[in-house]
Amino acid sequence: MPYDQNNIFAKILKGEIPCKKINDDEYYLAFHDIQPKAPIHVLVIPKGKYISAQDFHEKASPEEISGFYKGLAKVVESLNIKNDGFRLISNCGLNGGQEVPHFHVHILGGKKLGPMLKD
């Protein structure tokens, strides 16, 4: 499946749709989720055109991968949730519940989070 240039995150990266930005650099953009599931709910997306986590890990350069994850760590630090704990989620594909075809990681925190999946 080719990358969809018109997915919502592609439009955010192009400046066509606004976001409540936290931080960015050449490798990533971090912004608040518009439908938060926890007191802190942030999305971190790479600036490259990657459909899913699998696509990103297979095709991104070592610099992109390192830059993305270092950026993610900076965002966690800036949110002041490093010591209290947080959850990282990246849904991948249809069965994984991925809704936007652009690799992204959810950072959830700000309270004690429940089980990962309900039985």
PDB file of N, CA and C in Angstrom:
ATOM      1  N   MET A   1       0.847  -1.172   0.000  1.00  0.00           N
ATOM      2  CA  MET A   1       0.000   0.000   0.000  1.00  0.00           C
ATOM      3  C   MET A   1       0.899   1.245   0.000  1.00  0.00           C
ATOM      4  N   PRO A   2       0.684   2.153  -0.922  1.00  0.00           N
ATOM      5  CA  PRO A   2       1.491   3.381  -0.946  1.00  0.00           C
ATOM      6  C   PRO A   2       1.061   4.349   0.162  1.00  0.00           C
ATOM      7  N   TYR A   3       1.955   5.236   0.518  1.00  0.00           N
ATOM      8  CA  TYR A   3       1.681   6.249   1.539  1.00  0.00           C
ATOM      9  C   TYR A   3       0.596   7.203   1.039  1.00  0.00           C
ATOM     10  N   ASP A   4      -0.385   7.491   1.886  1.00  0.00           N
ATOM     11  CA  ASP A   4      -1.480   8.411   1.558  1.00  0.00           C
ATOM     12  C   ASP A   4      -1.075   9.835   1.921  1.00  0.00           C
ATOM     13  N   GLN A   5      -0.797  10.653   0.920  1.00  0.00           N
ATOM     14  CA  GLN A   5      -0.369  12.034   1.120  1.00  0.00           C
ATOM     15  C   GLN A   5      -1.444  12.904   1.761  1.00  0.00           C
ATOM     16  N   ASN A   6      -2.693  12.402   1.796  1.00  0.00           N
ATOM     17  CA  ASN A   6      -3.806  13.191   2.321  1.00  0.00           C
ATOM     18  C   ASN A   6      -4.297  12.720   3.683  1.00  0.00           C
ATOM     19  N   ASN A   7      -3.533  11.825   4.355  1.00  0.00           N
ATOM     20  CA  ASN A   7      -3.967  11.427   5.703  1.00  0.00           C
ATOM     21  C   ASN A   7      -3.822  12.630   6.632  1.00  0.00           C
ATOM     22  N   ILE A   8      -4.537  12.603   7.735  1.00  0.00           N
ATOM     23  CA  ILE A   8      -4.591  13.767   8.627  1.00  0.00           C
ATOM     24  C   ILE A   8      -3.218  14.179   9.151  1.00  0.00           C
ATOM     25  N   PHE A   9      -2.334  13.219   9.432  1.00  0.00           N
ATOM     26  CA  PHE A   9      -1.013  13.579   9.941  1.00  0.00           C
ATOM     27  C   PHE A   9      -0.147  14.185   8.839  1.00  0.00           C
ATOM     28  N   ALA A  10      -0.291  13.720   7.614  1.00  0.00           N
ATOM     29  CA  ALA A  10       0.423  14.339   6.487  1.00  0.00           C
ATOM     30  C   ALA A  10      -0.020  15.785   6.334  1.00  0.00           C
ATOM     31  N   LYS A  11      -1.316  16.021   6.503  1.00  0.00           N
ATOM     32  CA  LYS A  11      -1.840  17.389   6.392  1.00  0.00           C
ATOM     33  C   LYS A  11      -1.334  18.266   7.544  1.00  0.00           C
ATOM     34  N   ILE A  12      -1.219  17.699   8.733  1.00  0.00           N
ATOM     35  CA  ILE A  12      -0.660  18.442   9.866  1.00  0.00           C
ATOM     36  C   ILE A  12       0.798  18.802   9.573  1.00  0.00           C
ATOM     37  N   LEU A  13       1.571  17.840   9.061  1.00  0.00           N
ATOM     38  CA  LEU A  13       2.977  18.098   8.748  1.00  0.00           C
ATOM     39  C   LEU A  13       3.131  19.171   7.672  1.00  0.00           C
ATOM     40  N   LYS A  14       2.185  19.230   6.729  1.00  0.00           N
ATOM     41  CA  LYS A  14       2.233  20.237   5.658  1.00  0.00           C
ATOM     42  C   LYS A  14       1.676  21.584   6.107  1.00  0.00           C
ATOM     43  N   GLY A  15       1.140  21.656   7.332  1.00  0.00           N
ATOM     44  CA  GLY A  15       0.581  22.902   7.838  1.00  0.00           C
ATOM     45  C   GLY A  15      -0.832  23.187   7.348  1.00  0.00           C
ATOM     46  N   GLU A  16      -1.473  22.197   6.755  1.00  0.00           N
ATOM     47  CA  GLU A  16      -2.837  22.361   6.254  1.00  0.00           C
ATOM     48  C   GLU A  16      -3.877  22.241   7.358  1.00  0.00           C
ATOM     49  N   ILE A  17      -3.520  21.533   8.416  1.00  0.00           N
ATOM     50  CA  ILE A  17      -4.395  21.359   9.582  1.00  0.00           C
ATOM     51  C   ILE A  17      -3.584  21.769  10.800  1.00  0.00           C
ATOM     52  N   PRO A  18      -4.138  22.624  11.666  1.00  0.00           N
ATOM     53  CA  PRO A  18      -3.379  23.048  12.848  1.00  0.00           C
ATOM     54  C   PRO A  18      -3.304  21.943  13.904  1.00  0.00           C
ATOM     55  N   CYS A  19      -2.329  22.061  14.767  1.00  0.00           N
ATOM     56  CA  CYS A  19      -2.210  21.155  15.910  1.00  0.00           C
ATOM     57  C   CYS A  19      -1.687  21.968  17.086  1.00  0.00           C
ATOM     58  N   LYS A  20      -1.882  21.427  18.278  1.00  0.00           N
ATOM     59  CA  LYS A  20      -1.356  22.053  19.487  1.00  0.00           C
ATOM     60  C   LYS A  20       0.023  21.446  19.740  1.00  0.00           C
ATOM     61  N   LYS A  21       1.017  22.039  19.077  1.00  0.00           N
ATOM     62  CA  LYS A  21       2.377  21.504  19.060  1.00  0.00           C
ATOM     63  C   LYS A  21       3.062  21.609  20.418  1.00  0.00           C
ATOM     64  N   ILE A  22       3.795  20.556  20.731  1.00  0.00           N
ATOM     65  CA  ILE A  22       4.633  20.528  21.932  1.00  0.00           C
ATOM     66  C   ILE A  22       6.082  20.786  21.554  1.00  0.00           C
ATOM     67  N   ASN A  23       6.554  20.059  20.543  1.00  0.00           N
ATOM     68  CA  ASN A  23       7.946  20.176  20.131  1.00  0.00           C
ATOM     69  C   ASN A  23       8.118  19.514  18.775  1.00  0.00           C
ATOM     70  N   ASP A  24       9.170  19.901  18.063  1.00  0.00           N
ATOM     71  CA  ASP A  24       9.523  19.226  16.823  1.00  0.00           C
ATOM     72  C   ASP A  24      10.957  19.535  16.457  1.00  0.00           C
ATOM     73  N   ASP A  25      11.472  18.734  15.551  1.00  0.00           N
ATOM     74  CA  ASP A  25      12.767  19.002  14.935  1.00  0.00           C
ATOM     75  C   ASP A  25      12.716  18.379  13.550  1.00  0.00           C
ATOM     76  N   GLU A  26      13.858  18.112  12.959  1.00  0.00           N
ATOM     77  CA  GLU A  26      13.860  17.579  11.599  1.00  0.00           C
ATOM     78  C   GLU A  26      13.312  16.156  11.504  1.00  0.00           C
ATOM     79  N   TYR A  27      13.214  15.436  12.632  1.00  0.00           N
ATOM     80  CA  TYR A  27      12.808  14.039  12.614  1.00  0.00           C
ATOM     81  C   TYR A  27      11.390  13.764  13.112  1.00  0.00           C
ATOM     82  N   TYR A  28      10.843  14.623  13.945  1.00  0.00           N
ATOM     83  CA  TYR A  28       9.556  14.318  14.560  1.00  0.00           C
ATOM     84  C   TYR A  28       8.751  15.576  14.840  1.00  0.00           C
ATOM     85  N   LEU A  29       7.466  15.351  15.074  1.00  0.00           N
ATOM     86  CA  LEU A  29       6.551  16.391  15.552  1.00  0.00           C
ATOM     87  C   LEU A  29       5.743  15.774  16.681  1.00  0.00           C
ATOM     88  N   ALA A  30       5.628  16.488  17.801  1.00  0.00           N
ATOM     89  CA  ALA A  30       4.835  16.038  18.945  1.00  0.00           C
ATOM     90  C   ALA A  30       3.738  17.062  19.191  1.00  0.00           C
ATOM     91  N   PHE A  31       2.516  16.563  19.390  1.00  0.00           N
ATOM     92  CA  PHE A  31       1.380  17.452  19.620  1.00  0.00           C
ATOM     93  C   PHE A  31       0.320  16.744  20.456  1.00  0.00           C
ATOM     94  N   HIS A  32      -0.552  17.534  21.065  1.00  0.00           N
ATOM     95  CA  HIS A  32      -1.620  16.993  21.909  1.00  0.00           C
ATOM     96  C   HIS A  32      -2.688  16.320  21.060  1.00  0.00           C
ATOM     97  N   ASP A  33      -3.170  15.171  21.532  1.00  0.00           N
ATOM     98  CA  ASP A  33      -4.268  14.468  20.862  1.00  0.00           C
ATOM     99  C   ASP A  33      -5.547  15.273  21.057  1.00  0.00           C
ATOM    100  N   ILE A  34      -6.375  15.372  20.017  1.00  0.00           N
ATOM    101  CA  ILE A  34      -7.614  16.150  20.123  1.00  0.00           C
ATOM    102  C   ILE A  34      -8.724  15.398  20.845  1.00  0.00           C
ATOM    103  N   GLN A  35      -8.548  14.089  21.039  1.00  0.00           N
ATOM    104  CA  GLN A  35      -9.503  13.291  21.801  1.00  0.00           C
ATOM    105  C   GLN A  35      -8.735  12.509  22.872  1.00  0.00           C
ATOM    106  N   PRO A  36      -8.255  13.207  23.906  1.00  0.00           N
ATOM    107  CA  PRO A  36      -7.381  12.548  24.890  1.00  0.00           C
ATOM    108  C   PRO A  36      -8.080  11.432  25.665  1.00  0.00           C
ATOM    109  N   LYS A  37      -7.316  10.366  25.901  1.00  0.00           N
ATOM    110  CA  LYS A  37      -7.789   9.204  26.662  1.00  0.00           C
ATOM    111  C   LYS A  37      -7.191   9.165  28.065  1.00  0.00           C
ATOM    112  N   ALA A  38      -6.383  10.158  28.399  1.00  0.00           N
ATOM    113  CA  ALA A  38      -5.746  10.279  29.716  1.00  0.00           C
ATOM    114  C   ALA A  38      -5.456  11.766  29.926  1.00  0.00           C
ATOM    115  N   PRO A  39      -5.160  12.167  31.167  1.00  0.00           N
ATOM    116  CA  PRO A  39      -4.843  13.579  31.401  1.00  0.00           C
ATOM    117  C   PRO A  39      -3.727  14.098  30.484  1.00  0.00           C
ATOM    118  N   ILE A  40      -2.757  13.256  30.207  1.00  0.00           N
ATOM    119  CA  ILE A  40      -1.727  13.578  29.221  1.00  0.00           C
ATOM    120  C   ILE A  40      -1.869  12.572  28.087  1.00  0.00           C
ATOM    121  N   HIS A  41      -2.119  13.075  26.891  1.00  0.00           N
ATOM    122  CA  HIS A  41      -2.216  12.221  25.707  1.00  0.00           C
ATOM    123  C   HIS A  41      -1.612  12.993  24.540  1.00  0.00           C
ATOM    124  N   VAL A  42      -0.436  12.574  24.161  1.00  0.00           N
ATOM    125  CA  VAL A  42       0.355  13.249  23.143  1.00  0.00           C
ATOM    126  C   VAL A  42       0.654  12.266  22.018  1.00  0.00           C
ATOM    127  N   LEU A  43       0.701  12.779  20.803  1.00  0.00           N
ATOM    128  CA  LEU A  43       1.093  11.981  19.644  1.00  0.00           C
ATOM    129  C   LEU A  43       2.470  12.440  19.184  1.00  0.00           C
ATOM    130  N   VAL A  44       3.308  11.483  18.834  1.00  0.00           N
ATOM    131  CA  VAL A  44       4.619  11.783  18.272  1.00  0.00           C
ATOM    132  C   VAL A  44       4.676  11.077  16.921  1.00  0.00           C
ATOM    133  N   ILE A  45       4.938  11.867  15.861  1.00  0.00           N
ATOM    134  CA  ILE A  45       4.967  11.317  14.508  1.00  0.00           C
ATOM    135  C   ILE A  45       6.301  11.651  13.850  1.00  0.00           C
ATOM    136  N   PRO A  46       6.807  10.725  13.031  1.00  0.00           N
ATOM    137  CA  PRO A  46       8.011  11.064  12.273  1.00  0.00           C
ATOM    138  C   PRO A  46       7.654  12.013  11.141  1.00  0.00           C
ATOM    139  N   LYS A  47       8.609  12.787  10.702  1.00  0.00           N
ATOM    140  CA  LYS A  47       8.365  13.704   9.590  1.00  0.00           C
ATOM    141  C   LYS A  47       8.470  13.008   8.237  1.00  0.00           C
ATOM    142  N   GLY A  48       8.995  11.791   8.216  1.00  0.00           N
ATOM    143  CA  GLY A  48       9.050  11.011   6.981  1.00  0.00           C
ATOM    144  C   GLY A  48       7.724  10.343   6.685  1.00  0.00           C
ATOM    145  N   LYS A  49       7.600   9.837   5.484  1.00  0.00           N
ATOM    146  CA  LYS A  49       6.344   9.228   5.003  1.00  0.00           C
ATOM    147  C   LYS A  49       6.351   7.730   5.281  1.00  0.00           C
ATOM    148  N   TYR A  50       5.955   7.375   6.506  1.00  0.00           N
ATOM    149  CA  TYR A  50       5.924   5.979   6.914  1.00  0.00           C
ATOM    150  C   TYR A  50       4.516   5.616   7.349  1.00  0.00           C
ATOM    151  N   ILE A  51       4.005   4.516   6.829  1.00  0.00           N
ATOM    152  CA  ILE A  51       2.619   4.118   7.057  1.00  0.00           C
ATOM    153  C   ILE A  51       2.398   3.583   8.471  1.00  0.00           C
ATOM    154  N   SER A  52       3.320   2.785   8.965  1.00  0.00           N
ATOM    155  CA  SER A  52       3.131   2.092  10.244  1.00  0.00           C
ATOM    156  C   SER A  52       4.472   1.919  10.945  1.00  0.00           C
ATOM    157  N   ALA A  53       4.409   1.384  12.156  1.00  0.00           N
ATOM    158  CA  ALA A  53       5.642   1.092  12.890  1.00  0.00           C
ATOM    159  C   ALA A  53       6.508   0.134  12.082  1.00  0.00           C
ATOM    160  N   GLN A  54       5.904  -0.884  11.514  1.00  0.00           N
ATOM    161  CA  GLN A  54       6.647  -1.865  10.714  1.00  0.00           C
ATOM    162  C   GLN A  54       7.340  -1.182   9.537  1.00  0.00           C
ATOM    163  N   ASP A  55       6.608  -0.324   8.827  1.00  0.00           N
ATOM    164  CA  ASP A  55       7.151   0.404   7.684  1.00  0.00           C
ATOM    165  C   ASP A  55       8.324   1.292   8.128  1.00  0.00           C
ATOM    166  N   PHE A  56       8.141   2.011   9.234  1.00  0.00           N
ATOM    167  CA  PHE A  56       9.185   2.893   9.754  1.00  0.00           C
ATOM    168  C   PHE A  56      10.443   2.109  10.110  1.00  0.00           C
ATOM    169  N   HIS A  57      10.293   1.014  10.847  1.00  0.00           N
ATOM    170  CA  HIS A  57      11.454   0.258  11.305  1.00  0.00           C
ATOM    171  C   HIS A  57      12.168  -0.456  10.160  1.00  0.00           C
ATOM    172  N   GLU A  58      11.438  -0.773   9.096  1.00  0.00           N
ATOM    173  CA  GLU A  58      12.051  -1.428   7.936  1.00  0.00           C
ATOM    174  C   GLU A  58      12.733  -0.433   6.994  1.00  0.00           C
ATOM    175  N   LYS A  59      12.170   0.787   6.843  1.00  0.00           N
ATOM    176  CA  LYS A  59      12.618   1.678   5.774  1.00  0.00           C
ATOM    177  C   LYS A  59      13.332   2.955   6.226  1.00  0.00           C
ATOM    178  N   ALA A  60      13.138   3.380   7.447  1.00  0.00           N
ATOM    179  CA  ALA A  60      13.758   4.629   7.902  1.00  0.00           C
ATOM    180  C   ALA A  60      15.267   4.454   8.056  1.00  0.00           C
ATOM    181  N   SER A  61      15.980   5.541   7.861  1.00  0.00           N
ATOM    182  CA  SER A  61      17.432   5.515   8.045  1.00  0.00           C
ATOM    183  C   SER A  61      17.751   5.415   9.533  1.00  0.00           C
ATOM    184  N   PRO A  62      18.954   4.975   9.858  1.00  0.00           N
ATOM    185  CA  PRO A  62      19.347   4.942  11.275  1.00  0.00           C
ATOM    186  C   PRO A  62      19.219   6.322  11.938  1.00  0.00           C
ATOM    187  N   GLU A  63      19.535   7.388  11.187  1.00  0.00           N
ATOM    188  CA  GLU A  63      19.428   8.743  11.734  1.00  0.00           C
ATOM    189  C   GLU A  63      17.973   9.103  12.036  1.00  0.00           C
ATOM    190  N   GLU A  64      17.055   8.720  11.138  1.00  0.00           N
ATOM    191  CA  GLU A  64      15.632   9.002  11.371  1.00  0.00           C
ATOM    192  C   GLU A  64      15.116   8.243  12.586  1.00  0.00           C
ATOM    193  N   ILE A  65      15.495   6.987  12.694  1.00  0.00           N
ATOM    194  CA  ILE A  65      15.046   6.169  13.822  1.00  0.00           C
ATOM    195  C   ILE A  65      15.579   6.736  15.135  1.00  0.00           C
ATOM    196  N   SER A  66      16.864   7.011  15.180  1.00  0.00           N
ATOM    197  CA  SER A  66      17.481   7.573  16.380  1.00  0.00           C
ATOM    198  C   SER A  66      16.880   8.935  16.711  1.00  0.00           C
ATOM    199  N   GLY A  67      16.745   9.791  15.717  1.00  0.00           N
ATOM    200  CA  GLY A  67      16.192  11.125  15.939  1.00  0.00           C
ATOM    201  C   GLY A  67      14.767  11.085  16.440  1.00  0.00           C
ATOM    202  N   PHE A  68      13.970  10.164  15.889  1.00  0.00           N
ATOM    203  CA  PHE A  68      12.582  10.028  16.323  1.00  0.00           C
ATOM    204  C   PHE A  68      12.514   9.612  17.791  1.00  0.00           C
ATOM    205  N   TYR A  69      13.244   8.562  18.161  1.00  0.00           N
ATOM    206  CA  TYR A  69      13.159   8.069  19.534  1.00  0.00           C
ATOM    207  C   TYR A  69      13.829   9.001  20.546  1.00  0.00           C
ATOM    208  N   LYS A  70      14.864   9.707  20.139  1.00  0.00           N
ATOM    209  CA  LYS A  70      15.440  10.721  21.031  1.00  0.00           C
ATOM    210  C   LYS A  70      14.443  11.861  21.234  1.00  0.00           C
ATOM    211  N   GLY A  71      13.721  12.222  20.172  1.00  0.00           N
ATOM    212  CA  GLY A  71      12.671  13.234  20.286  1.00  0.00           C
ATOM    213  C   GLY A  71      11.567  12.781  21.209  1.00  0.00           C
ATOM    214  N   LEU A  72      11.172  11.523  21.082  1.00  0.00           N
ATOM    215  CA  LEU A  72      10.133  10.983  21.952  1.00  0.00           C
ATOM    216  C   LEU A  72      10.579  11.092  23.415  1.00  0.00           C
ATOM    217  N   ALA A  73      11.825  10.766  23.697  1.00  0.00           N
ATOM    218  CA  ALA A  73      12.348  10.870  25.061  1.00  0.00           C
ATOM    219  C   ALA A  73      12.339  12.317  25.557  1.00  0.00           C
ATOM    220  N   LYS A  74      12.660  13.275  24.673  1.00  0.00           N
ATOM    221  CA  LYS A  74      12.618  14.690  25.047  1.00  0.00           C
ATOM    222  C   LYS A  74      11.195  15.113  25.403  1.00  0.00           C
ATOM    223  N   VAL A  75      10.233  14.613  24.657  1.00  0.00           N
ATOM    224  CA  VAL A  75       8.831  14.958  24.919  1.00  0.00           C
ATOM    225  C   VAL A  75       8.407  14.410  26.271  1.00  0.00           C
ATOM    226  N   VAL A  76       8.754  13.164  26.566  1.00  0.00           N
ATOM    227  CA  VAL A  76       8.434  12.575  27.876  1.00  0.00           C
ATOM    228  C   VAL A  76       9.031  13.428  28.983  1.00  0.00           C
ATOM    229  N   GLU A  77      10.255  13.847  28.819  1.00  0.00           N
ATOM    230  CA  GLU A  77      10.916  14.693  29.809  1.00  0.00           C
ATOM    231  C   GLU A  77      10.167  16.014  29.971  1.00  0.00           C
ATOM    232  N   SER A  78       9.784  16.632  28.862  1.00  0.00           N
ATOM    233  CA  SER A  78       9.112  17.935  28.924  1.00  0.00           C
ATOM    234  C   SER A  78       7.714  17.840  29.538  1.00  0.00           C
ATOM    235  N   LEU A  79       7.099  16.667  29.476  1.00  0.00           N
ATOM    236  CA  LEU A  79       5.769  16.470  30.054  1.00  0.00           C
ATOM    237  C   LEU A  79       5.826  16.174  31.554  1.00  0.00           C
ATOM    238  N   ASN A  80       7.026  16.015  32.094  1.00  0.00           N
ATOM    239  CA  ASN A  80       7.237  15.716  33.524  1.00  0.00           C
ATOM    240  C   ASN A  80       6.548  14.418  33.963  1.00  0.00           C
ATOM    241  N   ILE A  81       6.619  13.394  33.115  1.00  0.00           N
ATOM    242  CA  ILE A  81       6.010  12.103  33.469  1.00  0.00           C
ATOM    243  C   ILE A  81       7.043  10.981  33.541  1.00  0.00           C
ATOM    244  N   LYS A  82       8.288  11.335  33.337  1.00  0.00           N
ATOM    245  CA  LYS A  82       9.362  10.336  33.315  1.00  0.00           C
ATOM    246  C   LYS A  82       9.406   9.521  34.606  1.00  0.00           C
ATOM    247  N   ASN A  83       9.332  10.176  35.742  1.00  0.00           N
ATOM    248  CA  ASN A  83       9.468   9.473  37.025  1.00  0.00           C
ATOM    249  C   ASN A  83       8.191   8.789  37.477  1.00  0.00           C
ATOM    250  N   ASP A  84       7.035   9.358  37.156  1.00  0.00           N
ATOM    251  CA  ASP A  84       5.762   8.768  37.592  1.00  0.00           C
ATOM    252  C   ASP A  84       5.318   7.610  36.714  1.00  0.00           C
ATOM    253  N   GLY A  85       5.782   7.572  35.493  1.00  0.00           N
ATOM    254  CA  GLY A  85       5.427   6.500  34.573  1.00  0.00           C
ATOM    255  C   GLY A  85       4.465   6.966  33.495  1.00  0.00           C
ATOM    256  N   PHE A  86       4.471   6.228  32.407  1.00  0.00           N
ATOM    257  CA  PHE A  86       3.661   6.566  31.245  1.00  0.00           C
ATOM    258  C   PHE A  86       3.534   5.313  30.383  1.00  0.00           C
ATOM    259  N   ARG A  87       2.711   5.408  29.367  1.00  0.00           N
ATOM    260  CA  ARG A  87       2.523   4.297  28.435  1.00  0.00           C
ATOM    261  C   ARG A  87       2.772   4.807  27.027  1.00  0.00           C
ATOM    262  N   LEU A  88       3.483   3.996  26.236  1.00  0.00           N
ATOM    263  CA  LEU A  88       3.669   4.253  24.816  1.00  0.00           C
ATOM    264  C   LEU A  88       2.850   3.229  24.050  1.00  0.00           C
ATOM    265  N   ILE A  89       2.075   3.697  23.081  1.00  0.00           N
ATOM    266  CA  ILE A  89       1.266   2.799  22.256  1.00  0.00           C
ATOM    267  C   ILE A  89       1.465   3.163  20.800  1.00  0.00           C
ATOM    268  N   SER A  90       1.693   2.148  19.976  1.00  0.00           N
ATOM    269  CA  SER A  90       1.706   2.335  18.535  1.00  0.00           C
ATOM    270  C   SER A  90       0.884   1.214  17.920  1.00  0.00           C
ATOM    271  N   ASN A  91      -0.310   1.547  17.478  1.00  0.00           N
ATOM    272  CA  ASN A  91      -1.166   0.573  16.818  1.00  0.00           C
ATOM    273  C   ASN A  91      -0.648   0.362  15.400  1.00  0.00           C
ATOM    274  N   CYS A  92      -0.699  -0.880  14.935  1.00  0.00           N
ATOM    275  CA  CYS A  92      -0.137  -1.196  13.619  1.00  0.00           C
ATOM    276  C   CYS A  92      -1.105  -2.076  12.843  1.00  0.00           C
ATOM    277  N   GLY A  93      -1.610  -1.553  11.738  1.00  0.00           N
ATOM    278  CA  GLY A  93      -2.485  -2.328  10.858  1.00  0.00           C
ATOM    279  C   GLY A  93      -3.900  -2.467  11.377  1.00  0.00           C
ATOM    280  N   LEU A  94      -4.725  -3.098  10.573  1.00  0.00           N
ATOM    281  CA  LEU A  94      -6.149  -3.256  10.856  1.00  0.00           C
ATOM    282  C   LEU A  94      -6.407  -3.959  12.192  1.00  0.00           C
ATOM    283  N   ASN A  95      -5.799  -5.109  12.411  1.00  0.00           N
ATOM    284  CA  ASN A  95      -6.040  -5.851  13.653  1.00  0.00           C
ATOM    285  C   ASN A  95      -5.422  -5.170  14.864  1.00  0.00           C
ATOM    286  N   GLY A  96      -4.441  -4.323  14.652  1.00  0.00           N
ATOM    287  CA  GLY A  96      -3.821  -3.584  15.742  1.00  0.00           C
ATOM    288  C   GLY A  96      -4.575  -2.312  16.103  1.00  0.00           C
ATOM    289  N   GLY A  97      -5.600  -1.973  15.317  1.00  0.00           N
ATOM    290  CA  GLY A  97      -6.412  -0.800  15.622  1.00  0.00           C
ATOM    291  C   GLY A  97      -5.869   0.509  15.085  1.00  0.00           C
ATOM    292  N   GLN A  98      -4.952   0.458  14.115  1.00  0.00           N
ATOM    293  CA  GLN A  98      -4.405   1.692  13.553  1.00  0.00           C
ATOM    294  C   GLN A  98      -5.487   2.417  12.761  1.00  0.00           C
ATOM    295  N   GLU A  99      -5.697   3.707  13.077  1.00  0.00           N
ATOM    296  CA  GLU A  99      -6.734   4.490  12.420  1.00  0.00           C
ATOM    297  C   GLU A  99      -6.178   5.455  11.382  1.00  0.00           C
ATOM    298  N   VAL A 100      -4.972   5.957  11.593  1.00  0.00           N
ATOM    299  CA  VAL A 100      -4.353   6.897  10.652  1.00  0.00           C
ATOM    300  C   VAL A 100      -3.146   6.203  10.023  1.00  0.00           C
ATOM    301  N   PRO A 101      -3.079   6.146   8.680  1.00  0.00           N
ATOM    302  CA  PRO A 101      -1.980   5.434   8.023  1.00  0.00           C
ATOM    303  C   PRO A 101      -0.684   6.248   7.954  1.00  0.00           C
ATOM    304  N   HIS A 102      -0.247   6.713   9.106  1.00  0.00           N
ATOM    305  CA  HIS A 102       1.055   7.368   9.265  1.00  0.00           C
ATOM    306  C   HIS A 102       1.564   6.909  10.631  1.00  0.00           C
ATOM    307  N   PHE A 103       2.761   6.346  10.679  1.00  0.00           N
ATOM    308  CA  PHE A 103       3.316   5.854  11.943  1.00  0.00           C
ATOM    309  C   PHE A 103       3.224   6.937  13.010  1.00  0.00           C
ATOM    310  N   HIS A 104       2.734   6.551  14.169  1.00  0.00           N
ATOM    311  CA  HIS A 104       2.658   7.469  15.295  1.00  0.00           C
ATOM    312  C   HIS A 104       2.686   6.694  16.605  1.00  0.00           C
ATOM    313  N   VAL A 105       3.169   7.370  17.627  1.00  0.00           N
ATOM    314  CA  VAL A 105       3.222   6.794  18.970  1.00  0.00           C
ATOM    315  C   VAL A 105       2.399   7.685  19.887  1.00  0.00           C
ATOM    316  N   HIS A 106       1.505   7.054  20.652  1.00  0.00           N
ATOM    317  CA  HIS A 106       0.736   7.759  21.674  1.00  0.00           C
ATOM    318  C   HIS A 106       1.541   7.712  22.964  1.00  0.00           C
ATOM    319  N   ILE A 107       1.652   8.847  23.643  1.00  0.00           N
ATOM    320  CA  ILE A 107       2.212   8.904  24.991  1.00  0.00           C
ATOM    321  C   ILE A 107       1.043   9.209  25.915  1.00  0.00           C
ATOM    322  N   LEU A 108       0.781   8.306  26.844  1.00  0.00           N
ATOM    323  CA  LEU A 108      -0.315   8.471  27.797  1.00  0.00           C
ATOM    324  C   LEU A 108       0.243   8.517  29.207  1.00  0.00           C
ATOM    325  N   GLY A 109      -0.262   9.444  30.003  1.00  0.00           N
ATOM    326  CA  GLY A 109       0.200   9.547  31.376  1.00  0.00           C
ATOM    327  C   GLY A 109      -0.632  10.529  32.161  1.00  0.00           C
ATOM    328  N   GLY A 110      -0.104  10.909  33.320  1.00  0.00           N
ATOM    329  CA  GLY A 110      -0.785  11.864  34.160  1.00  0.00           C
ATOM    330  C   GLY A 110      -1.703  11.251  35.198  1.00  0.00           C
ATOM    331  N   LYS A 111      -1.827   9.924  35.189  1.00  0.00           N
ATOM    332  CA  LYS A 111      -2.603   9.190  36.184  1.00  0.00           C
ATOM    333  C   LYS A 111      -2.211   7.718  36.095  1.00  0.00           C
ATOM    334  N   LYS A 112      -2.653   6.938  37.072  1.00  0.00           N
ATOM    335  CA  LYS A 112      -2.418   5.494  37.014  1.00  0.00           C
ATOM    336  C   LYS A 112      -3.305   4.949  35.902  1.00  0.00           C
ATOM    337  N   LEU A 113      -2.695   4.275  34.948  1.00  0.00           N
ATOM    338  CA  LEU A 113      -3.416   3.734  33.805  1.00  0.00           C
ATOM    339  C   LEU A 113      -3.881   2.317  34.099  1.00  0.00           C
ATOM    340  N   GLY A 114      -5.006   1.967  33.558  1.00  0.00           N
ATOM    341  CA  GLY A 114      -5.573   0.639  33.771  1.00  0.00           C
ATOM    342  C   GLY A 114      -4.855  -0.426  32.956  1.00  0.00           C
ATOM    343  N   PRO A 115      -5.451  -1.613  32.881  1.00  0.00           N
ATOM    344  CA  PRO A 115      -4.832  -2.697  32.117  1.00  0.00           C
ATOM    345  C   PRO A 115      -4.722  -2.329  30.632  1.00  0.00           C
ATOM    346  N   MET A 116      -3.774  -2.929  29.960  1.00  0.00           N
ATOM    347  CA  MET A 116      -3.580  -2.616  28.547  1.00  0.00           C
ATOM    348  C   MET A 116      -4.776  -3.023  27.711  1.00  0.00           C
ATOM    349  N   LEU A 117      -5.330  -4.188  27.980  1.00  0.00           N
ATOM    350  CA  LEU A 117      -6.510  -4.665  27.255  1.00  0.00           C
ATOM    351  C   LEU A 117      -7.530  -5.191  28.237  1.00  0.00           C
ATOM    352  N   LYS A 118      -8.778  -4.961  27.921  1.00  0.00           N
ATOM    353  CA  LYS A 118      -9.823  -5.564  28.732  1.00  0.00           C
ATOM    354  C   LYS A 118     -10.011  -6.995  28.282  1.00  0.00           C
ATOM    355  N   ASP A 119     -10.329  -7.883  29.219  1.00  0.00           N
ATOM    356  CA  ASP A 119     -10.535  -9.303  28.863  1.00  0.00           C
ATOM    357  C   ASP A 119     -11.724  -9.479  27.955  1.00  0.00           C
TER     358      ASP A 119
END
